[in-house]
Amino acid sequence: MNLTDRVVVVTGGAGGIGSALARRFAAEGAAAVVVADLDGDAARAVAGTVGPVAHPVRVDVTDEEQVSALVADAERRYAAEERFLILPHPEVAAYALRRAEDPDGWQAGLRKLVRRLTA
């Protein structure tokens, strides 16, 4: 995959796989790597190892408002609509597409996910 000039959002970016992905995406030429994680301090630490293209963000991916804000901020910050968005976390990988195609269905699906994760 050619990541040159792409903006990549790595949810779970402070964890083992997420941090490895963030570093790899930066090494592959991503213009920006958003290291998003529930643990904001860990996200900042990982972003520090990724380098100057990294931007840490604290986000709870089970909160639809936080995910929406994460996506909106990245799109605004990097003017990245055409070269954005990779969300490796399997539960939110198709977030932008689902939200655009069926906002009500997306919200219902996210509520179902939240119930499953918090049960």
N, C-alpha and C. Protein backbone atom coordinates (compact mmCIF):
# COMPACT_ATOMS: atom_id res chain seq x y z
N MET A 1 0.85 -1.17 0.00
CA MET A 1 0.00 0.00 0.00
C MET A 1 0.89 1.24 0.00
N ASN A 2 0.62 2.17 -0.87
CA ASN A 2 1.38 3.40 -0.94
C ASN A 2 0.76 4.41 0.03
N LEU A 3 1.52 4.77 1.05
CA LEU A 3 1.02 5.71 2.05
C LEU A 3 1.58 7.11 1.87
N THR A 4 2.33 7.34 0.82
CA THR A 4 2.92 8.65 0.59
C THR A 4 1.83 9.71 0.56
N ASP A 5 2.00 10.72 1.40
CA ASP A 5 1.10 11.86 1.51
C ASP A 5 -0.28 11.50 2.06
N ARG A 6 -0.44 10.31 2.60
CA ARG A 6 -1.71 9.92 3.22
C ARG A 6 -1.74 10.38 4.67
N VAL A 7 -2.94 10.56 5.18
CA VAL A 7 -3.16 10.83 6.59
C VAL A 7 -3.75 9.56 7.18
N VAL A 8 -3.10 9.04 8.21
CA VAL A 8 -3.50 7.78 8.79
C VAL A 8 -3.90 8.01 10.24
N VAL A 9 -5.07 7.50 10.61
CA VAL A 9 -5.50 7.53 12.01
C VAL A 9 -5.40 6.10 12.52
N VAL A 10 -4.62 5.91 13.56
CA VAL A 10 -4.45 4.59 14.15
C VAL A 10 -5.17 4.59 15.50
N THR A 11 -6.36 3.97 15.54
CA THR A 11 -7.04 3.84 16.82
C THR A 11 -6.42 2.66 17.54
N GLY A 12 -6.34 2.76 18.86
CA GLY A 12 -5.58 1.77 19.62
C GLY A 12 -4.09 1.97 19.38
N GLY A 13 -3.72 3.19 19.03
CA GLY A 13 -2.36 3.50 18.61
C GLY A 13 -1.31 3.40 19.69
N ALA A 14 -1.71 3.32 20.95
CA ALA A 14 -0.73 3.22 22.02
C ALA A 14 -0.41 1.77 22.38
N GLY A 15 -1.17 0.84 21.82
CA GLY A 15 -0.94 -0.57 22.11
C GLY A 15 0.16 -1.15 21.25
N GLY A 16 0.42 -2.42 21.43
CA GLY A 16 1.51 -3.09 20.71
C GLY A 16 1.34 -3.05 19.21
N ILE A 17 0.23 -3.56 18.70
CA ILE A 17 0.01 -3.56 17.25
C ILE A 17 -0.20 -2.15 16.75
N GLY A 18 -1.00 -1.36 17.46
CA GLY A 18 -1.27 0.01 17.03
C GLY A 18 -0.01 0.86 16.96
N SER A 19 0.86 0.75 17.96
CA SER A 19 2.09 1.55 17.94
C SER A 19 3.02 1.09 16.81
N ALA A 20 3.06 -0.22 16.56
CA ALA A 20 3.87 -0.73 15.45
C ALA A 20 3.33 -0.23 14.12
N LEU A 21 2.00 -0.21 13.98
CA LEU A 21 1.40 0.32 12.75
C LEU A 21 1.73 1.80 12.58
N ALA A 22 1.61 2.57 13.66
CA ALA A 22 1.90 4.00 13.57
C ALA A 22 3.32 4.25 13.10
N ARG A 23 4.28 3.52 13.67
CA ARG A 23 5.67 3.68 13.26
C ARG A 23 5.87 3.25 11.81
N ARG A 24 5.24 2.17 11.44
CA ARG A 24 5.38 1.67 10.06
C ARG A 24 4.78 2.65 9.06
N PHE A 25 3.60 3.18 9.36
CA PHE A 25 2.96 4.13 8.46
C PHE A 25 3.82 5.37 8.27
N ALA A 26 4.43 5.85 9.36
CA ALA A 26 5.33 7.00 9.25
C ALA A 26 6.54 6.64 8.38
N ALA A 27 7.10 5.46 8.59
CA ALA A 27 8.26 5.03 7.82
C ALA A 27 7.92 4.85 6.34
N GLU A 28 6.66 4.54 6.06
CA GLU A 28 6.21 4.34 4.68
C GLU A 28 5.86 5.65 3.98
N GLY A 29 6.02 6.78 4.68
CA GLY A 29 5.84 8.08 4.03
C GLY A 29 4.52 8.78 4.29
N ALA A 30 3.76 8.34 5.29
CA ALA A 30 2.51 9.04 5.61
C ALA A 30 2.79 10.50 5.93
N ALA A 31 1.93 11.38 5.45
CA ALA A 31 2.09 12.81 5.73
C ALA A 31 1.80 13.11 7.19
N ALA A 32 0.88 12.35 7.78
CA ALA A 32 0.52 12.52 9.18
C ALA A 32 0.03 11.18 9.72
N VAL A 33 0.36 10.93 10.98
CA VAL A 33 -0.11 9.74 11.67
C VAL A 33 -0.75 10.20 12.97
N VAL A 34 -2.06 10.02 13.07
CA VAL A 34 -2.77 10.37 14.29
C VAL A 34 -2.77 9.13 15.18
N VAL A 35 -2.11 9.24 16.33
CA VAL A 35 -2.03 8.13 17.28
C VAL A 35 -3.16 8.34 18.28
N ALA A 36 -4.24 7.60 18.08
CA ALA A 36 -5.45 7.77 18.90
C ALA A 36 -5.59 6.60 19.86
N ASP A 37 -5.83 6.91 21.12
CA ASP A 37 -5.96 5.86 22.12
C ASP A 37 -6.72 6.39 23.33
N LEU A 38 -7.34 5.50 24.05
CA LEU A 38 -8.03 5.85 25.29
C LEU A 38 -7.05 6.40 26.32
N ASP A 39 -5.83 5.89 26.30
CA ASP A 39 -4.77 6.34 27.20
C ASP A 39 -4.00 7.47 26.51
N GLY A 40 -4.39 8.69 26.82
CA GLY A 40 -3.79 9.85 26.18
C GLY A 40 -2.30 9.98 26.44
N ASP A 41 -1.86 9.66 27.67
CA ASP A 41 -0.43 9.74 27.97
C ASP A 41 0.36 8.75 27.13
N ALA A 42 -0.17 7.54 26.99
CA ALA A 42 0.51 6.53 26.17
C ALA A 42 0.51 6.94 24.70
N ALA A 43 -0.58 7.55 24.24
CA ALA A 43 -0.63 8.03 22.85
C ALA A 43 0.45 9.08 22.62
N ARG A 44 0.63 9.98 23.58
CA ARG A 44 1.68 11.00 23.46
C ARG A 44 3.07 10.35 23.43
N ALA A 45 3.27 9.34 24.27
CA ALA A 45 4.56 8.65 24.30
C ALA A 45 4.86 7.97 22.97
N VAL A 46 3.87 7.29 22.42
CA VAL A 46 4.06 6.62 21.13
C VAL A 46 4.30 7.66 20.04
N ALA A 47 3.52 8.73 20.04
CA ALA A 47 3.71 9.78 19.03
C ALA A 47 5.14 10.31 19.07
N GLY A 48 5.70 10.39 20.28
CA GLY A 48 7.08 10.84 20.41
C GLY A 48 8.07 9.91 19.74
N THR A 49 7.75 8.61 19.69
CA THR A 49 8.64 7.65 19.03
C THR A 49 8.41 7.60 17.53
N VAL A 50 7.25 8.04 17.10
CA VAL A 50 6.91 8.01 15.67
C VAL A 50 7.62 9.14 14.94
N GLY A 51 7.70 10.29 15.57
CA GLY A 51 8.39 11.42 14.96
C GLY A 51 7.48 12.59 14.67
N PRO A 52 7.98 13.55 13.91
CA PRO A 52 7.26 14.81 13.72
C PRO A 52 5.95 14.71 12.96
N VAL A 53 5.71 13.63 12.26
CA VAL A 53 4.44 13.50 11.53
C VAL A 53 3.31 13.03 12.45
N ALA A 54 3.65 12.66 13.69
CA ALA A 54 2.66 12.08 14.60
C ALA A 54 1.93 13.14 15.41
N HIS A 55 0.66 12.87 15.65
CA HIS A 55 -0.19 13.73 16.46
C HIS A 55 -1.00 12.84 17.41
N PRO A 56 -0.76 12.95 18.73
CA PRO A 56 -1.50 12.10 19.67
C PRO A 56 -2.88 12.65 19.98
N VAL A 57 -3.85 11.75 20.14
CA VAL A 57 -5.21 12.15 20.49
C VAL A 57 -5.77 11.12 21.47
N ARG A 58 -6.38 11.61 22.54
CA ARG A 58 -7.08 10.72 23.46
C ARG A 58 -8.50 10.57 22.94
N VAL A 59 -8.93 9.31 22.74
CA VAL A 59 -10.28 9.06 22.22
C VAL A 59 -10.79 7.73 22.75
N ASP A 60 -12.06 7.70 23.05
CA ASP A 60 -12.76 6.47 23.42
C ASP A 60 -13.58 6.06 22.20
N VAL A 61 -13.16 5.00 21.51
CA VAL A 61 -13.84 4.63 20.26
C VAL A 61 -15.22 4.05 20.49
N THR A 62 -15.62 3.84 21.74
CA THR A 62 -16.99 3.40 22.01
C THR A 62 -17.94 4.58 22.14
N ASP A 63 -17.42 5.80 22.07
CA ASP A 63 -18.23 7.01 22.18
C ASP A 63 -18.34 7.65 20.80
N GLU A 64 -19.52 7.57 20.21
CA GLU A 64 -19.68 8.04 18.83
C GLU A 64 -19.33 9.51 18.66
N GLU A 65 -19.59 10.33 19.67
CA GLU A 65 -19.24 11.75 19.55
C GLU A 65 -17.73 11.94 19.50
N GLN A 66 -17.00 11.15 20.28
CA GLN A 66 -15.55 11.26 20.26
C GLN A 66 -14.97 10.77 18.93
N VAL A 67 -15.53 9.70 18.39
CA VAL A 67 -15.07 9.21 17.09
C VAL A 67 -15.37 10.23 16.00
N SER A 68 -16.57 10.80 16.04
CA SER A 68 -16.92 11.84 15.07
C SER A 68 -15.97 13.02 15.17
N ALA A 69 -15.67 13.43 16.40
CA ALA A 69 -14.76 14.56 16.61
C ALA A 69 -13.35 14.22 16.13
N LEU A 70 -12.91 12.98 16.36
CA LEU A 70 -11.60 12.53 15.90
C LEU A 70 -11.49 12.65 14.38
N VAL A 71 -12.49 12.14 13.69
CA VAL A 71 -12.49 12.17 12.23
C VAL A 71 -12.56 13.62 11.74
N ALA A 72 -13.47 14.41 12.30
CA ALA A 72 -13.62 15.80 11.86
C ALA A 72 -12.34 16.59 12.10
N ASP A 73 -11.70 16.38 13.25
CA ASP A 73 -10.47 17.10 13.56
C ASP A 73 -9.36 16.73 12.57
N ALA A 74 -9.22 15.44 12.29
CA ALA A 74 -8.17 15.00 11.36
C ALA A 74 -8.44 15.55 9.96
N GLU A 75 -9.70 15.51 9.52
CA GLU A 75 -10.03 16.05 8.20
C GLU A 75 -9.73 17.54 8.12
N ARG A 76 -10.08 18.27 9.20
CA ARG A 76 -9.86 19.72 9.22
C ARG A 76 -8.36 20.04 9.34
N ARG A 77 -7.70 19.38 10.26
CA ARG A 77 -6.28 19.65 10.55
C ARG A 77 -5.40 19.39 9.33
N TYR A 78 -5.72 18.33 8.61
CA TYR A 78 -4.86 17.92 7.50
C TYR A 78 -5.49 18.12 6.13
N ALA A 79 -6.67 18.76 6.07
CA ALA A 79 -7.37 18.95 4.79
C ALA A 79 -7.28 17.67 3.99
N ALA A 80 -7.73 16.59 4.62
CA ALA A 80 -7.39 15.26 4.13
C ALA A 80 -8.54 14.48 3.52
N GLU A 81 -9.57 15.12 3.08
CA GLU A 81 -10.72 14.37 2.59
C GLU A 81 -10.38 13.39 1.49
N GLU A 82 -9.48 13.74 0.60
CA GLU A 82 -9.15 12.86 -0.52
C GLU A 82 -8.03 11.88 -0.22
N ARG A 83 -7.30 12.07 0.86
CA ARG A 83 -6.15 11.20 1.14
C ARG A 83 -6.23 10.59 2.53
N PHE A 84 -7.39 10.43 3.02
CA PHE A 84 -7.67 10.07 4.39
C PHE A 84 -8.76 9.02 4.34
N LEU A 85 -8.73 8.00 4.91
CA LEU A 85 -8.68 7.71 6.30
C LEU A 85 -8.48 6.23 6.45
N ILE A 86 -7.55 5.86 7.25
CA ILE A 86 -7.35 4.45 7.56
C ILE A 86 -7.53 4.32 9.06
N LEU A 87 -8.46 3.49 9.47
CA LEU A 87 -8.70 3.24 10.89
C LEU A 87 -8.52 1.74 11.13
N PRO A 88 -7.35 1.31 11.53
CA PRO A 88 -7.10 -0.11 11.62
C PRO A 88 -7.94 -0.85 12.66
N HIS A 89 -8.48 -0.17 13.63
CA HIS A 89 -9.30 -0.86 14.63
C HIS A 89 -10.48 -1.50 13.91
N PRO A 90 -10.66 -2.80 14.04
CA PRO A 90 -11.67 -3.49 13.21
C PRO A 90 -13.10 -3.01 13.45
N GLU A 91 -13.40 -2.51 14.62
CA GLU A 91 -14.76 -2.08 14.90
C GLU A 91 -15.10 -0.74 14.25
N VAL A 92 -14.10 0.04 13.90
CA VAL A 92 -14.38 1.36 13.32
C VAL A 92 -13.74 1.54 11.95
N ALA A 93 -13.26 0.46 11.35
CA ALA A 93 -12.53 0.55 10.09
C ALA A 93 -13.34 1.19 8.98
N ALA A 94 -14.62 0.92 8.90
CA ALA A 94 -15.45 1.48 7.83
C ALA A 94 -16.31 2.63 8.33
N TYR A 95 -15.87 3.27 9.39
CA TYR A 95 -16.65 4.33 10.05
C TYR A 95 -17.13 5.41 9.06
N ALA A 96 -16.20 6.02 8.36
CA ALA A 96 -16.56 7.16 7.52
C ALA A 96 -17.55 6.76 6.44
N LEU A 97 -17.34 5.61 5.84
CA LEU A 97 -18.23 5.14 4.78
C LEU A 97 -19.63 4.87 5.33
N ARG A 98 -19.73 4.15 6.43
CA ARG A 98 -21.05 3.83 7.01
C ARG A 98 -21.76 5.10 7.44
N ARG A 99 -21.01 6.02 8.05
CA ARG A 99 -21.62 7.26 8.52
C ARG A 99 -22.21 8.03 7.35
N ALA A 100 -21.49 8.08 6.25
CA ALA A 100 -21.95 8.84 5.10
C ALA A 100 -23.14 8.17 4.41
N GLU A 101 -23.11 6.85 4.31
CA GLU A 101 -24.15 6.13 3.58
C GLU A 101 -25.45 6.02 4.36
N ASP A 102 -25.35 5.80 5.67
CA ASP A 102 -26.55 5.56 6.48
C ASP A 102 -26.32 6.04 7.91
N PRO A 103 -26.41 7.34 8.16
CA PRO A 103 -26.11 7.87 9.49
C PRO A 103 -26.94 7.23 10.60
N ASP A 104 -28.22 7.01 10.36
CA ASP A 104 -29.07 6.41 11.41
C ASP A 104 -28.66 4.97 11.67
N GLY A 105 -28.40 4.23 10.61
CA GLY A 105 -27.96 2.84 10.76
C GLY A 105 -26.61 2.77 11.44
N TRP A 106 -25.72 3.72 11.12
CA TRP A 106 -24.42 3.75 11.75
C TRP A 106 -24.54 3.98 13.25
N GLN A 107 -25.39 4.92 13.63
CA GLN A 107 -25.57 5.20 15.05
C GLN A 107 -26.16 4.00 15.77
N ALA A 108 -27.12 3.33 15.16
CA ALA A 108 -27.70 2.14 15.77
C ALA A 108 -26.64 1.05 15.93
N GLY A 109 -25.80 0.88 14.91
CA GLY A 109 -24.73 -0.11 14.99
C GLY A 109 -23.72 0.22 16.07
N LEU A 110 -23.39 1.49 16.21
CA LEU A 110 -22.44 1.89 17.24
C LEU A 110 -23.03 1.68 18.63
N ARG A 111 -24.31 1.99 18.80
CA ARG A 111 -24.94 1.73 20.10
C ARG A 111 -24.90 0.24 20.44
N LYS A 112 -25.13 -0.61 19.44
CA LYS A 112 -25.07 -2.06 19.64
C LYS A 112 -23.65 -2.47 20.05
N LEU A 113 -22.64 -1.91 19.36
CA LEU A 113 -21.26 -2.20 19.70
C LEU A 113 -20.95 -1.78 21.13
N VAL A 114 -21.38 -0.59 21.51
CA VAL A 114 -21.12 -0.10 22.87
C VAL A 114 -21.75 -1.03 23.90
N ARG A 115 -22.99 -1.46 23.63
CA ARG A 115 -23.64 -2.39 24.57
C ARG A 115 -22.85 -3.69 24.68
N ARG A 116 -22.36 -4.19 23.54
CA ARG A 116 -21.60 -5.44 23.54
C ARG A 116 -20.28 -5.26 24.30
N LEU A 117 -19.61 -4.14 24.09
CA LEU A 117 -18.32 -3.93 24.74
C LEU A 117 -18.45 -3.65 26.23
N THR A 118 -19.57 -3.12 26.65
CA THR A 118 -19.73 -2.77 28.06
C THR A 118 -20.53 -3.81 28.83
N ALA A 119 -20.96 -4.87 28.16
CA ALA A 119 -21.75 -5.91 28.83
C ALA A 119 -20.88 -6.78 29.73
